[in-house]
Amino acid sequence: MNKPTSMIPPTWDVPATFRSRLGNSVGRQRSMLADGHLLLVLHAPPQPDQDDRQGRFFWRKPDGNWVSDQLGGGPSAVNRHLEEYDQLIDRLEIQEQHAKNARDYFEVMEALTPLHRAAGNLYLALQEARKQCPEAREVIDMRDRAYEIQRSAELLSSGCKNALDYQMAKQAEEQARASQHMAVAAHRLNLLAAFFFPLATIAGLFGMEIRSGIERLPEPQTFIAVVAIGLLFGAILTALLIRGAKTRN
């Protein structure tokens, strides 16, 4: 059986304790200190629907030189790592500003939630590194910037949640108002049906063959006039119903 290898680049001359504490998965974000060597185990900014975290390693040698496995050398490697978080949060802020409905806000939250969590753990890892290696003054700026990133993600998350709750409450209120209007309209139709039901029943049973003189009028014109009058009264009744609904609002 092959012995599992560490994720730390094999060319790095780091203390053996670093490799013994890492296996085939990156694990949580953290810092390690041994014999003057500082190792930062961080996560690349997570993407939506990404279950596995991509690890990034930053090694500070006892002489103060920094090396990374992906972003080059020097303290600027960590700063480039932080810049990626900054850019993603800025992009989500713009997306949140253009959001118009609950679905838009949900999409922002779906991408922001893992990023917010990763930014918080990133700050904790750099805060731990600051305590373990107080002589590394550059870690202070890294930690402070990580805190700003975490705070920005937190504010954006809070704003999205409030906006999403407002959109859902607004939709629920509109649905409740529409249901109330439908109930009022149905009640009025029931009243009209109840008022004319006896007359319609009697007319259906016995017929309405009563001589009124209208039957002697010209047939096409009379028929059209009766239909027009019926439509006019229907339009007036509809307008009254709509006006009453607007008055209640």
Protein backbone atom coordinates (compact mmCIF):
# COMPACT_ATOMS: atom_id res chain seq x y z
CA MET A 1 0.00 0.00 0.00
CA ASN A 2 1.40 3.40 -0.98
CA LYS A 3 1.96 5.91 1.77
CA PRO A 4 -0.21 9.02 1.33
CA THR A 5 1.76 12.07 0.31
CA SER A 6 1.38 15.60 1.63
CA MET A 7 -0.13 18.37 -0.46
CA ILE A 8 2.86 20.62 0.26
CA PRO A 9 5.13 20.91 -2.81
CA PRO A 10 7.84 18.25 -2.50
CA THR A 11 10.59 20.79 -3.32
CA TRP A 12 9.85 22.87 -0.24
CA ASP A 13 12.34 22.34 2.57
CA VAL A 14 9.82 22.75 5.37
CA PRO A 15 9.87 21.10 8.81
CA ALA A 16 8.62 17.54 8.76
CA THR A 17 5.86 18.38 11.23
CA PHE A 18 4.11 20.41 8.51
CA ARG A 19 3.91 17.43 6.19
CA SER A 20 2.84 15.09 8.97
CA ARG A 21 -0.10 17.34 9.80
CA LEU A 22 -1.37 17.40 6.21
CA GLY A 23 -2.81 14.55 4.20
CA ASN A 24 -4.49 14.29 0.83
CA SER A 25 -7.10 16.97 1.58
CA VAL A 26 -6.46 20.56 2.48
CA GLY A 27 -8.72 20.61 5.53
CA ARG A 28 -9.62 23.84 7.27
CA GLN A 29 -7.78 27.13 6.82
CA ARG A 30 -5.06 27.53 9.45
CA SER A 31 -1.48 28.51 10.16
CA MET A 32 1.42 26.39 11.42
CA LEU A 33 4.69 27.44 13.06
CA ALA A 34 7.76 25.27 13.59
CA ASP A 35 11.45 26.16 13.88
CA GLY A 36 10.83 29.72 12.69
CA HIS A 37 8.93 28.53 9.60
CA LEU A 38 5.38 29.81 9.13
CA LEU A 39 2.99 27.94 6.85
CA LEU A 40 -0.40 29.32 5.85
CA VAL A 41 -2.94 26.76 4.65
CA LEU A 42 -5.64 28.79 2.91
CA HIS A 43 -8.53 28.19 0.51
CA ALA A 44 -8.96 29.71 -2.92
CA PRO A 45 -12.20 31.73 -3.20
CA PRO A 46 -14.98 29.14 -3.45
CA GLN A 47 -17.35 29.04 -6.39
CA PRO A 48 -21.10 28.30 -6.18
CA ASP A 49 -21.93 24.57 -5.98
CA GLN A 50 -18.28 23.74 -5.26
CA ASP A 51 -18.07 21.08 -2.57
CA ASP A 52 -14.30 20.61 -2.41
CA ARG A 53 -12.01 23.47 -1.45
CA GLN A 54 -8.87 24.20 -3.43
CA GLY A 55 -5.91 24.62 -1.10
CA ARG A 56 -3.19 27.24 -1.39
CA PHE A 57 0.03 27.18 0.61
CA PHE A 58 2.12 30.18 1.63
CA TRP A 59 5.47 29.53 3.32
CA ARG A 60 7.40 32.18 5.23
CA LYS A 61 10.99 31.16 5.79
CA PRO A 62 12.93 32.11 8.93
CA ASP A 63 14.75 34.80 6.92
CA GLY A 64 11.42 36.50 6.09
CA ASN A 65 11.11 35.37 2.46
CA TRP A 66 7.70 34.22 1.28
CA VAL A 67 6.96 31.43 -1.21
CA SER A 68 3.60 30.19 -2.50
CA ASP A 69 2.64 27.15 -4.51
CA GLN A 70 0.42 29.07 -6.98
CA LEU A 71 0.78 32.86 -6.72
CA GLY A 72 4.51 33.48 -6.84
CA GLY A 73 6.86 34.70 -4.16
CA GLY A 74 7.03 37.55 -1.66
CA PRO A 75 4.34 38.91 0.69
CA SER A 76 2.48 40.11 -2.39
CA ALA A 77 1.50 36.48 -3.04
CA VAL A 78 -0.82 36.59 -0.03
CA ASN A 79 -2.06 40.00 -1.13
CA ARG A 80 -2.93 38.60 -4.55
CA HIS A 81 -4.83 35.86 -2.79
CA LEU A 82 -6.78 38.46 -0.80
CA GLU A 83 -7.38 40.51 -3.94
CA GLU A 84 -9.28 37.60 -5.49
CA TYR A 85 -11.69 37.66 -2.53
CA ASP A 86 -12.05 41.42 -2.88
CA GLN A 87 -12.87 41.20 -6.58
CA LEU A 88 -15.50 38.50 -6.09
CA ILE A 89 -17.22 40.48 -3.34
CA ASP A 90 -17.18 43.64 -5.49
CA ARG A 91 -18.75 41.67 -8.33
CA LEU A 92 -21.49 40.36 -6.05
CA GLU A 93 -22.13 43.87 -4.72
CA ILE A 94 -22.76 45.08 -8.27
CA GLN A 95 -25.02 42.09 -8.90
CA GLU A 96 -26.93 42.86 -5.69
CA GLN A 97 -27.41 46.49 -6.73
CA HIS A 98 -29.02 45.37 -10.00
CA ALA A 99 -31.22 42.71 -8.36
CA LYS A 100 -34.94 43.31 -8.92
CA ASN A 101 -36.72 40.26 -7.55
CA ALA A 102 -36.36 37.44 -5.06
CA ARG A 103 -34.70 35.15 -7.60
CA ASP A 104 -31.95 37.71 -8.28
CA TYR A 105 -31.24 38.11 -4.56
CA PHE A 106 -31.23 34.35 -4.08
CA GLU A 107 -28.58 33.97 -6.79
CA VAL A 108 -26.39 36.51 -4.99
CA MET A 109 -26.87 34.71 -1.67
CA GLU A 110 -26.06 31.35 -3.23
CA ALA A 111 -22.67 32.65 -4.39
CA LEU A 112 -22.03 34.78 -1.31
CA THR A 113 -22.68 32.22 1.45
CA PRO A 114 -19.59 30.01 0.88
CA LEU A 115 -17.48 33.10 0.15
CA HIS A 116 -18.55 34.73 3.41
CA ARG A 117 -17.72 31.59 5.38
CA ALA A 118 -14.33 31.22 3.68
CA ALA A 119 -13.50 34.90 4.30
CA GLY A 120 -14.23 34.47 8.02
CA ASN A 121 -11.99 31.44 8.27
CA LEU A 122 -9.31 33.27 6.28
CA TYR A 123 -9.29 36.07 8.84
CA LEU A 124 -9.05 33.59 11.72
CA ALA A 125 -6.09 31.84 10.07
CA LEU A 126 -4.21 35.12 9.62
CA GLN A 127 -5.05 36.20 13.16
CA GLU A 128 -3.62 32.90 14.37
CA ALA A 129 -0.50 33.48 12.27
CA ARG A 130 -0.10 36.94 13.78
CA LYS A 131 -0.10 35.47 17.29
CA GLN A 132 2.25 32.62 16.39
CA CYS A 133 4.75 34.77 14.52
CA PRO A 134 4.71 38.30 16.01
CA GLU A 135 8.00 39.23 14.31
CA ALA A 136 6.30 38.96 10.89
CA ARG A 137 5.03 42.53 10.75
CA GLU A 138 3.63 42.09 7.22
CA VAL A 139 1.09 39.62 8.60
CA ILE A 140 -0.61 42.51 10.42
CA ASP A 141 -1.59 44.17 7.15
CA MET A 142 -2.70 40.82 5.74
CA ARG A 143 -4.86 40.17 8.79
CA ASP A 144 -6.41 43.66 8.71
CA ARG A 145 -7.24 43.33 5.03
CA ALA A 146 -8.76 39.92 5.64
CA TYR A 147 -10.94 41.48 8.34
CA GLU A 148 -12.13 44.14 5.88
CA ILE A 149 -12.99 41.40 3.39
CA GLN A 150 -14.91 39.48 6.02
CA ARG A 151 -16.76 42.64 7.08
CA SER A 152 -17.69 43.49 3.48
CA ALA A 153 -19.02 39.97 2.94
CA GLU A 154 -20.97 40.18 6.19
CA LEU A 155 -22.58 43.52 5.30
CA LEU A 156 -23.44 42.30 1.81
CA SER A 157 -24.94 39.12 3.21
CA SER A 158 -27.04 41.08 5.70
CA GLY A 159 -28.23 43.46 3.00
CA CYS A 160 -29.19 40.61 0.68
CA LYS A 161 -31.11 38.81 3.43
CA ASN A 162 -33.05 41.96 4.31
CA ALA A 163 -33.84 42.66 0.66
CA LEU A 164 -34.87 39.04 0.09
CA ASP A 165 -37.14 39.10 3.15
CA TYR A 166 -38.69 42.35 1.91
CA GLN A 167 -39.32 40.90 -1.56
CA MET A 168 -40.96 37.79 -0.08
CA ALA A 169 -43.11 39.87 2.29
CA LYS A 170 -44.11 42.15 -0.58
CA GLN A 171 -45.13 39.21 -2.77
CA ALA A 172 -47.09 37.66 0.10
CA GLU A 173 -48.89 40.96 0.67
CA GLU A 174 -49.74 41.31 -3.02
CA GLN A 175 -51.05 37.76 -3.12
CA ALA A 176 -53.16 38.38 -0.01
CA ARG A 177 -54.58 41.58 -1.54
CA ALA A 178 -55.37 39.81 -4.80
CA SER A 179 -57.08 36.98 -2.92
CA GLN A 180 -59.15 39.49 -0.99
CA HIS A 181 -60.25 41.25 -4.19
CA MET A 182 -61.20 37.91 -5.74
CA ALA A 183 -63.20 37.00 -2.66
CA VAL A 184 -65.08 40.34 -2.75
CA ALA A 185 -65.77 39.96 -6.48
CA ALA A 186 -66.97 36.39 -6.00
CA HIS A 187 -69.27 37.56 -3.19
CA ARG A 188 -70.80 40.24 -5.39
CA LEU A 189 -71.34 37.78 -8.21
CA ASN A 190 -73.03 35.43 -5.76
CA LEU A 191 -75.34 38.26 -4.67
CA LEU A 192 -76.23 39.02 -8.29
CA ALA A 193 -76.81 35.34 -9.00
CA ALA A 194 -79.00 35.00 -5.89
CA PHE A 195 -81.02 38.12 -6.87
CA PHE A 196 -81.78 36.94 -10.40
CA PHE A 197 -81.97 33.20 -9.68
CA PRO A 198 -85.72 33.07 -8.87
CA LEU A 199 -86.56 35.13 -11.97
CA ALA A 200 -84.34 32.97 -14.17
CA THR A 201 -85.89 29.80 -12.71
CA ILE A 202 -89.46 30.99 -13.27
CA ALA A 203 -88.60 32.11 -16.79
CA GLY A 204 -87.02 28.78 -17.52
CA LEU A 205 -90.01 26.81 -16.23
CA PHE A 206 -92.89 28.83 -17.65
CA GLY A 207 -91.31 30.83 -20.47
CA MET A 208 -91.64 34.56 -21.12
CA GLU A 209 -93.96 34.71 -24.14
CA ILE A 210 -95.57 38.03 -23.07
CA ARG A 211 -96.71 40.41 -25.76
CA SER A 212 -94.98 43.78 -25.33
CA GLY A 213 -94.96 45.21 -28.84
CA ILE A 214 -91.22 44.82 -29.26
CA GLU A 215 -91.78 41.75 -31.41
CA ARG A 216 -93.37 43.92 -34.12
CA LEU A 217 -90.27 46.08 -34.49
CA PRO A 218 -87.77 45.35 -37.30
CA GLU A 219 -85.94 42.21 -36.32
CA PRO A 220 -82.23 42.92 -37.04
CA GLN A 221 -82.25 46.41 -35.60
CA THR A 222 -84.18 45.34 -32.51
CA PHE A 223 -81.88 42.41 -31.85
CA ILE A 224 -78.78 44.57 -32.20
CA ALA A 225 -80.27 47.26 -29.93
CA VAL A 226 -81.10 44.72 -27.19
CA VAL A 227 -77.59 43.25 -27.34
CA ALA A 228 -76.04 46.74 -27.25
CA ILE A 229 -78.13 47.77 -24.23
CA GLY A 230 -77.16 44.56 -22.42
CA LEU A 231 -73.48 45.13 -23.11
CA LEU A 232 -73.78 48.76 -21.98
CA PHE A 233 -75.31 47.79 -18.66
CA GLY A 234 -72.62 45.10 -18.26
CA ALA A 235 -69.88 47.64 -18.91
CA ILE A 236 -71.42 50.06 -16.37
CA LEU A 237 -71.63 47.29 -13.74
CA THR A 238 -68.01 46.26 -14.39
CA ALA A 239 -66.82 49.87 -14.10
CA LEU A 240 -68.64 50.26 -10.79
CA LEU A 241 -67.01 47.08 -9.44
CA ILE A 242 -63.52 48.25 -10.53
CA ARG A 243 -64.08 51.71 -9.08
CA GLY A 244 -65.13 50.21 -5.76
CA ALA A 245 -61.99 48.04 -5.64
CA LYS A 246 -59.74 51.06 -6.33
CA THR A 247 -61.52 53.10 -3.65
CA ARG A 248 -60.77 50.41 -1.05
CA ASN A 249 -57.06 50.47 -1.97
